[in-house]
Amino acid sequence: MDVISTTIGIIGCLTGIIGVCIAQRANHHSKIANELSEIASTRAVEANGIAKQANDLAQEANTISTKALNAAQDRIDYVWVCEVDPSLKTVSVTNSGAWPAHNVSLTIEKDGETIRHIDGCEWAAGEKITIPIENEIDKFFEAVHTLSIPRPAVSSGGVSYGGKSGDPVECVFTARVRFETPQGVKRGDVIEQSLRYCVKNGGSFKRLR
């Protein structure tokens, strides 16, 4: 009986040891499986991110392609006219073409300095926008009066010498137009208008070409 009991005990002990070994091996494989599962999940997330980036790039490429196609097909000619009226003390800009301009941004400069700005307006074909610039015109004529000094007529030794107008004074008004065509293509144009005056012998102003 002691032999049998001992044998059974040994067998039970061995079975327990084998069970522990099998359990440890199973736990090890389970840990490996979990790690592989985490790696696979990470790779899946990365793959989804790459796929999203690829889709975004494809959409951006399609947008650029569409804009390039519209620009190539857009043959509309625009003619912008800028006019400065010293008597009315205004500057006017006209869309003299046959097509409307959308989302227009207009900047008026005098000798490179911005004096007026209009943003986000719609401009019909043939439409003229007139902007008062009284202060700028007054300052220009003050400069003409100061800088353009006429030479009066003189007589010497019985010889008369005719007078001469003062030197010309000039300023340049610039209209910078940015707009969109009916096709949605962004365009821009720059138009200049010069004022050139001098003071004549009699003291009046003379416009020069």
C-alpha atoms as a PDB file:
ATOM      1  CA  MET A   1       0.000   0.000   0.000  1.00  0.00           C
ATOM      2  CA  ASP A   2       2.815   2.402   0.779  1.00  0.00           C
ATOM      3  CA  VAL A   3       4.329   1.736  -2.620  1.00  0.00           C
ATOM      4  CA  ILE A   4       1.022   2.366  -4.335  1.00  0.00           C
ATOM      5  CA  SER A   5       0.398   5.556  -2.377  1.00  0.00           C
ATOM      6  CA  THR A   6       3.888   6.774  -3.071  1.00  0.00           C
ATOM      7  CA  THR A   7       3.519   5.974  -6.758  1.00  0.00           C
ATOM      8  CA  ILE A   8       0.189   7.803  -6.917  1.00  0.00           C
ATOM      9  CA  GLY A   9       1.731  10.749  -5.113  1.00  0.00           C
ATOM     10  CA  ILE A  10       4.641  10.884  -7.519  1.00  0.00           C
ATOM     11  CA  ILE A  11       2.283  10.651 -10.497  1.00  0.00           C
ATOM     12  CA  GLY A  12       0.151  13.454  -9.034  1.00  0.00           C
ATOM     13  CA  CYS A  13       3.207  15.588  -8.440  1.00  0.00           C
ATOM     14  CA  LEU A  14       4.444  15.004 -11.976  1.00  0.00           C
ATOM     15  CA  THR A  15       1.001  15.772 -13.342  1.00  0.00           C
ATOM     16  CA  GLY A  16       0.944  19.016 -11.350  1.00  0.00           C
ATOM     17  CA  ILE A  17       4.383  19.984 -12.605  1.00  0.00           C
ATOM     18  CA  ILE A  18       3.382  19.188 -16.212  1.00  0.00           C
ATOM     19  CA  GLY A  19       0.193  21.193 -15.733  1.00  0.00           C
ATOM     20  CA  VAL A  20       2.133  24.169 -14.426  1.00  0.00           C
ATOM     21  CA  CYS A  21       4.534  23.950 -17.367  1.00  0.00           C
ATOM     22  CA  ILE A  22       1.667  23.725 -19.827  1.00  0.00           C
ATOM     23  CA  ALA A  23      -0.070  26.683 -18.152  1.00  0.00           C
ATOM     24  CA  GLN A  24       3.132  28.758 -18.262  1.00  0.00           C
ATOM     25  CA  ARG A  25       3.634  27.860 -21.925  1.00  0.00           C
ATOM     26  CA  ALA A  26       0.015  28.766 -22.672  1.00  0.00           C
ATOM     27  CA  ASN A  27       0.420  32.098 -20.877  1.00  0.00           C
ATOM     28  CA  HIS A  28       3.599  32.785 -22.883  1.00  0.00           C
ATOM     29  CA  HIS A  29       1.830  32.061 -26.163  1.00  0.00           C
ATOM     30  CA  SER A  30      -1.109  34.176 -25.042  1.00  0.00           C
ATOM     31  CA  LYS A  31       1.259  37.082 -24.270  1.00  0.00           C
ATOM     32  CA  ILE A  32       2.870  36.729 -27.700  1.00  0.00           C
ATOM     33  CA  ALA A  33      -0.558  36.634 -29.315  1.00  0.00           C
ATOM     34  CA  ASN A  34      -1.596  39.816 -27.466  1.00  0.00           C
ATOM     35  CA  GLU A  35       1.600  41.592 -28.531  1.00  0.00           C
ATOM     36  CA  LEU A  36       1.063  40.544 -32.140  1.00  0.00           C
ATOM     37  CA  SER A  37      -2.531  41.734 -31.903  1.00  0.00           C
ATOM     38  CA  GLU A  38      -1.369  45.156 -30.619  1.00  0.00           C
ATOM     39  CA  ILE A  39       1.205  45.429 -33.425  1.00  0.00           C
ATOM     40  CA  ALA A  40      -1.463  44.520 -35.971  1.00  0.00           C
ATOM     41  CA  SER A  41      -3.806  47.157 -34.541  1.00  0.00           C
ATOM     42  CA  THR A  42      -1.056  49.788 -34.678  1.00  0.00           C
ATOM     43  CA  ARG A  43      -0.265  48.852 -38.273  1.00  0.00           C
ATOM     44  CA  ALA A  44      -3.955  49.044 -39.140  1.00  0.00           C
ATOM     45  CA  VAL A  45      -4.211  52.548 -37.643  1.00  0.00           C
ATOM     46  CA  GLU A  46      -1.086  53.624 -39.565  1.00  0.00           C
ATOM     47  CA  ALA A  47      -2.503  52.124 -42.762  1.00  0.00           C
ATOM     48  CA  ASN A  48      -5.765  54.026 -42.261  1.00  0.00           C
ATOM     49  CA  GLY A  49      -3.825  57.255 -41.701  1.00  0.00           C
ATOM     50  CA  ILE A  50      -1.793  56.705 -44.884  1.00  0.00           C
ATOM     51  CA  ALA A  51      -4.970  55.925 -46.819  1.00  0.00           C
ATOM     52  CA  LYS A  52      -6.585  59.159 -45.539  1.00  0.00           C
ATOM     53  CA  GLN A  53      -3.519  61.182 -46.534  1.00  0.00           C
ATOM     54  CA  ALA A  54      -3.610  59.585 -49.973  1.00  0.00           C
ATOM     55  CA  ASN A  55      -7.285  60.494 -50.344  1.00  0.00           C
ATOM     56  CA  ASP A  56      -6.618  64.079 -49.222  1.00  0.00           C
ATOM     57  CA  LEU A  57      -3.760  64.407 -51.710  1.00  0.00           C
ATOM     58  CA  ALA A  58      -5.951  62.985 -54.474  1.00  0.00           C
ATOM     59  CA  GLN A  59      -8.714  65.496 -53.701  1.00  0.00           C
ATOM     60  CA  GLU A  60      -6.189  68.347 -53.627  1.00  0.00           C
ATOM     61  CA  ALA A  61      -4.754  67.199 -56.964  1.00  0.00           C
ATOM     62  CA  ASN A  62      -8.262  67.094 -58.450  1.00  0.00           C
ATOM     63  CA  THR A  63      -8.957  70.629 -57.175  1.00  0.00           C
ATOM     64  CA  ILE A  64      -5.706  71.953 -58.639  1.00  0.00           C
ATOM     65  CA  SER A  65      -6.414  70.161 -61.909  1.00  0.00           C
ATOM     66  CA  THR A  66      -9.917  71.666 -62.080  1.00  0.00           C
ATOM     67  CA  LYS A  67      -8.606  75.177 -61.413  1.00  0.00           C
ATOM     68  CA  ALA A  68      -5.886  74.745 -64.043  1.00  0.00           C
ATOM     69  CA  LEU A  69      -8.463  73.526 -66.566  1.00  0.00           C
ATOM     70  CA  ASN A  70     -10.766  76.464 -65.815  1.00  0.00           C
ATOM     71  CA  ALA A  71      -7.876  78.882 -66.197  1.00  0.00           C
ATOM     72  CA  ALA A  72      -6.890  77.327 -69.519  1.00  0.00           C
ATOM     73  CA  GLN A  73     -10.464  77.490 -70.807  1.00  0.00           C
ATOM     74  CA  ASP A  74     -11.088  81.021 -69.501  1.00  0.00           C
ATOM     75  CA  ARG A  75     -10.450  83.270 -72.512  1.00  0.00           C
ATOM     76  CA  ILE A  76     -12.387  86.268 -71.203  1.00  0.00           C
ATOM     77  CA  ASP A  77     -10.650  89.602 -71.777  1.00  0.00           C
ATOM     78  CA  TYR A  78     -11.155  92.383 -69.242  1.00  0.00           C
ATOM     79  CA  VAL A  79     -10.378  96.036 -69.904  1.00  0.00           C
ATOM     80  CA  TRP A  80     -10.109  98.282 -66.867  1.00  0.00           C
ATOM     81  CA  VAL A  81      -9.938 102.073 -67.205  1.00  0.00           C
ATOM     82  CA  CYS A  82      -8.722 104.489 -64.518  1.00  0.00           C
ATOM     83  CA  GLU A  83      -9.515 108.215 -64.809  1.00  0.00           C
ATOM     84  CA  VAL A  84      -8.586 111.057 -62.478  1.00  0.00           C
ATOM     85  CA  ASP A  85     -10.729 114.206 -62.691  1.00  0.00           C
ATOM     86  CA  PRO A  86      -8.909 117.139 -61.041  1.00  0.00           C
ATOM     87  CA  SER A  87     -11.920 119.445 -61.347  1.00  0.00           C
ATOM     88  CA  LEU A  88     -14.280 117.013 -59.598  1.00  0.00           C
ATOM     89  CA  LYS A  89     -11.460 115.754 -57.365  1.00  0.00           C
ATOM     90  CA  THR A  90     -12.352 112.131 -58.014  1.00  0.00           C
ATOM     91  CA  VAL A  91     -10.800 108.944 -59.339  1.00  0.00           C
ATOM     92  CA  SER A  92     -12.996 106.512 -61.247  1.00  0.00           C
ATOM     93  CA  VAL A  93     -12.386 102.921 -62.309  1.00  0.00           C
ATOM     94  CA  THR A  94     -14.493 101.313 -65.037  1.00  0.00           C
ATOM     95  CA  ASN A  95     -14.963  97.674 -65.988  1.00  0.00           C
ATOM     96  CA  SER A  96     -15.237  98.461 -69.688  1.00  0.00           C
ATOM     97  CA  GLY A  97     -15.294  94.817 -70.758  1.00  0.00           C
ATOM     98  CA  ALA A  98     -18.331  92.707 -71.600  1.00  0.00           C
ATOM     99  CA  TRP A  99     -18.195  90.450 -68.539  1.00  0.00           C
ATOM    100  CA  PRO A 100     -18.926  91.001 -64.851  1.00  0.00           C
ATOM    101  CA  ALA A 101     -16.199  90.742 -62.238  1.00  0.00           C
ATOM    102  CA  HIS A 102     -16.875  89.018 -58.910  1.00  0.00           C
ATOM    103  CA  ASN A 103     -15.384  89.441 -55.433  1.00  0.00           C
ATOM    104  CA  VAL A 104     -13.481  92.533 -56.545  1.00  0.00           C
ATOM    105  CA  SER A 105     -10.743  94.085 -54.423  1.00  0.00           C
ATOM    106  CA  LEU A 106      -9.714  97.596 -55.491  1.00  0.00           C
ATOM    107  CA  THR A 107      -6.753  99.542 -54.115  1.00  0.00           C
ATOM    108  CA  ILE A 108      -6.030 103.134 -55.139  1.00  0.00           C
ATOM    109  CA  GLU A 109      -2.483 104.444 -54.653  1.00  0.00           C
ATOM    110  CA  LYS A 110      -0.960 107.895 -55.078  1.00  0.00           C
ATOM    111  CA  ASP A 111       2.759 107.771 -55.831  1.00  0.00           C
ATOM    112  CA  GLY A 112       2.922 104.265 -54.349  1.00  0.00           C
ATOM    113  CA  GLU A 113       1.002 105.064 -51.142  1.00  0.00           C
ATOM    114  CA  THR A 114      -2.417 103.487 -50.569  1.00  0.00           C
ATOM    115  CA  ILE A 115      -5.136 106.122 -50.219  1.00  0.00           C
ATOM    116  CA  ARG A 116      -8.345 104.086 -50.733  1.00  0.00           C
ATOM    117  CA  HIS A 117      -9.359 100.427 -50.556  1.00  0.00           C
ATOM    118  CA  ILE A 118     -12.596  98.635 -51.466  1.00  0.00           C
ATOM    119  CA  ASP A 119     -13.081  94.912 -50.858  1.00  0.00           C
ATOM    120  CA  GLY A 120     -15.537  92.177 -51.820  1.00  0.00           C
ATOM    121  CA  CYS A 121     -17.742  94.054 -54.296  1.00  0.00           C
ATOM    122  CA  GLU A 122     -19.494  92.829 -57.440  1.00  0.00           C
ATOM    123  CA  TRP A 123     -18.753  94.769 -60.620  1.00  0.00           C
ATOM    124  CA  ALA A 124     -21.079  94.598 -63.598  1.00  0.00           C
ATOM    125  CA  ALA A 125     -19.865  94.927 -67.179  1.00  0.00           C
ATOM    126  CA  GLY A 126     -19.578  98.611 -68.070  1.00  0.00           C
ATOM    127  CA  GLU A 127     -19.970  99.710 -64.455  1.00  0.00           C
ATOM    128  CA  LYS A 128     -17.965 102.686 -63.178  1.00  0.00           C
ATOM    129  CA  ILE A 129     -17.053 103.268 -59.547  1.00  0.00           C
ATOM    130  CA  THR A 130     -16.152 106.836 -58.597  1.00  0.00           C
ATOM    131  CA  ILE A 131     -14.201 107.624 -55.429  1.00  0.00           C
ATOM    132  CA  PRO A 132     -13.677 111.138 -53.986  1.00  0.00           C
ATOM    133  CA  ILE A 133     -10.018 112.099 -53.448  1.00  0.00           C
ATOM    134  CA  GLU A 134     -10.383 115.794 -52.613  1.00  0.00           C
ATOM    135  CA  ASN A 135      -7.597 115.875 -50.036  1.00  0.00           C
ATOM    136  CA  GLU A 136      -5.080 114.201 -52.351  1.00  0.00           C
ATOM    137  CA  ILE A 137      -5.907 116.515 -55.283  1.00  0.00           C
ATOM    138  CA  ASP A 138      -5.597 119.608 -53.066  1.00  0.00           C
ATOM    139  CA  LYS A 139      -2.193 118.477 -51.826  1.00  0.00           C
ATOM    140  CA  PHE A 140      -1.022 117.864 -55.390  1.00  0.00           C
ATOM    141  CA  PHE A 141      -1.944 121.376 -56.533  1.00  0.00           C
ATOM    142  CA  GLU A 142      -0.305 122.836 -53.440  1.00  0.00           C
ATOM    143  CA  ALA A 143       2.881 121.051 -54.519  1.00  0.00           C
ATOM    144  CA  VAL A 144       2.500 122.377 -58.086  1.00  0.00           C
ATOM    145  CA  HIS A 145       2.044 125.911 -56.785  1.00  0.00           C
ATOM    146  CA  THR A 146       5.144 125.590 -54.584  1.00  0.00           C
ATOM    147  CA  LEU A 147       7.487 123.769 -56.975  1.00  0.00           C
ATOM    148  CA  SER A 148       6.500 125.039 -60.418  1.00  0.00           C
ATOM    149  CA  ILE A 149       7.839 128.611 -60.443  1.00  0.00           C
ATOM    150  CA  PRO A 150       7.294 130.534 -63.723  1.00  0.00           C
ATOM    151  CA  ARG A 151       9.860 132.925 -65.139  1.00  0.00           C
ATOM    152  CA  PRO A 152       8.313 136.306 -65.978  1.00  0.00           C
ATOM    153  CA  ALA A 153       9.049 138.227 -69.168  1.00  0.00           C
ATOM    154  CA  VAL A 154      11.890 140.757 -68.870  1.00  0.00           C
ATOM    155  CA  SER A 155      13.293 143.598 -70.991  1.00  0.00           C
ATOM    156  CA  SER A 156      16.957 144.485 -71.122  1.00  0.00           C
ATOM    157  CA  GLY A 157      18.667 146.961 -73.418  1.00  0.00           C
ATOM    158  CA  GLY A 158      15.569 147.358 -75.505  1.00  0.00           C
ATOM    159  CA  VAL A 159      15.282 143.592 -75.954  1.00  0.00           C
ATOM    160  CA  SER A 160      12.324 141.732 -74.493  1.00  0.00           C
ATOM    161  CA  TYR A 161      12.636 138.185 -73.310  1.00  0.00           C
ATOM    162  CA  GLY A 162       9.463 136.114 -73.104  1.00  0.00           C
ATOM    163  CA  GLY A 163       8.484 134.490 -69.888  1.00  0.00           C
ATOM    164  CA  LYS A 164       8.408 130.768 -69.310  1.00  0.00           C
ATOM    165  CA  SER A 165       6.115 128.445 -67.425  1.00  0.00           C
ATOM    166  CA  GLY A 166       7.380 126.695 -64.354  1.00  0.00           C
ATOM    167  CA  ASP A 167       8.773 123.166 -64.369  1.00  0.00           C
ATOM    168  CA  PRO A 168       6.196 120.387 -64.533  1.00  0.00           C
ATOM    169  CA  VAL A 169       5.110 118.571 -61.385  1.00  0.00           C
ATOM    170  CA  GLU A 170       3.708 115.054 -61.687  1.00  0.00           C
ATOM    171  CA  CYS A 171       1.976 112.477 -59.550  1.00  0.00           C
ATOM    172  CA  VAL A 172       0.815 108.992 -60.489  1.00  0.00           C
ATOM    173  CA  PHE A 173      -2.440 107.388 -59.395  1.00  0.00           C
ATOM    174  CA  THR A 174      -2.481 103.586 -59.559  1.00  0.00           C
ATOM    175  CA  ALA A 175      -5.535 101.312 -59.444  1.00  0.00           C
ATOM    176  CA  ARG A 176      -4.820  97.702 -58.450  1.00  0.00           C
ATOM    177  CA  VAL A 177      -7.752  95.422 -59.231  1.00  0.00           C
ATOM    178  CA  ARG A 178      -8.098  91.805 -58.104  1.00  0.00           C
ATOM    179  CA  PHE A 179     -11.207  89.850 -59.061  1.00  0.00           C
ATOM    180  CA  GLU A 180     -12.729  86.534 -60.114  1.00  0.00           C
ATOM    181  CA  THR A 181     -14.168  85.733 -63.534  1.00  0.00           C
ATOM    182  CA  PRO A 182     -17.551  83.984 -63.927  1.00  0.00           C
ATOM    183  CA  GLN A 183     -15.543  80.728 -64.167  1.00  0.00           C
ATOM    184  CA  GLY A 184     -14.068  81.384 -60.718  1.00  0.00           C
ATOM    185  CA  VAL A 185     -10.579  82.105 -62.070  1.00  0.00           C
ATOM    186  CA  LYS A 186      -8.650  84.722 -60.077  1.00  0.00           C
ATOM    187  CA  ARG A 187      -7.330  87.632 -62.129  1.00  0.00           C
ATOM    188  CA  GLY A 188      -5.582  90.923 -61.483  1.00  0.00           C
ATOM    189  CA  ASP A 189      -4.752  94.130 -63.300  1.00  0.00           C
ATOM    190  CA  VAL A 190      -2.848  97.361 -62.650  1.00  0.00           C
ATOM    191  CA  ILE A 191      -3.859 100.659 -64.288  1.00  0.00           C
ATOM    192  CA  GLU A 192      -2.028 103.974 -63.954  1.00  0.00           C
ATOM    193  CA  GLN A 193      -3.162 107.540 -64.551  1.00  0.00           C
ATOM    194  CA  SER A 194      -0.737 110.465 -64.308  1.00  0.00           C
ATOM    195  CA  LEU A 195      -1.405 114.100 -63.486  1.00  0.00           C
ATOM    196  CA  ARG A 196       1.189 116.531 -64.847  1.00  0.00           C
ATOM    197  CA  TYR A 197       0.803 120.253 -64.286  1.00  0.00           C
ATOM    198  CA  CYS A 198       2.835 123.430 -64.278  1.00  0.00           C
ATOM    199  CA  VAL A 199       2.180 127.060 -63.356  1.00  0.00           C
ATOM    200  CA  LYS A 200       1.950 129.415 -66.332  1.00  0.00           C
ATOM    201  CA  ASN A 201       3.255 132.996 -66.389  1.00  0.00           C
ATOM    202  CA  GLY A 202      -0.109 134.399 -65.467  1.00  0.00           C
ATOM    203  CA  GLY A 203      -0.227 132.207 -62.373  1.00  0.00           C
ATOM    204  CA  SER A 204      -2.803 129.718 -63.640  1.00  0.00           C
ATOM    205  CA  PHE A 205      -2.332 125.956 -63.759  1.00  0.00           C
ATOM    206  CA  LYS A 206      -1.701 124.188 -67.052  1.00  0.00           C
ATOM    207  CA  ARG A 207      -2.162 120.471 -67.588  1.00  0.00           C
ATOM    208  CA  LEU A 208       0.610 118.782 -69.556  1.00  0.00           C
ATOM    209  CA  ARG A 209       0.489 115.560 -71.512  1.00  0.00           C
END
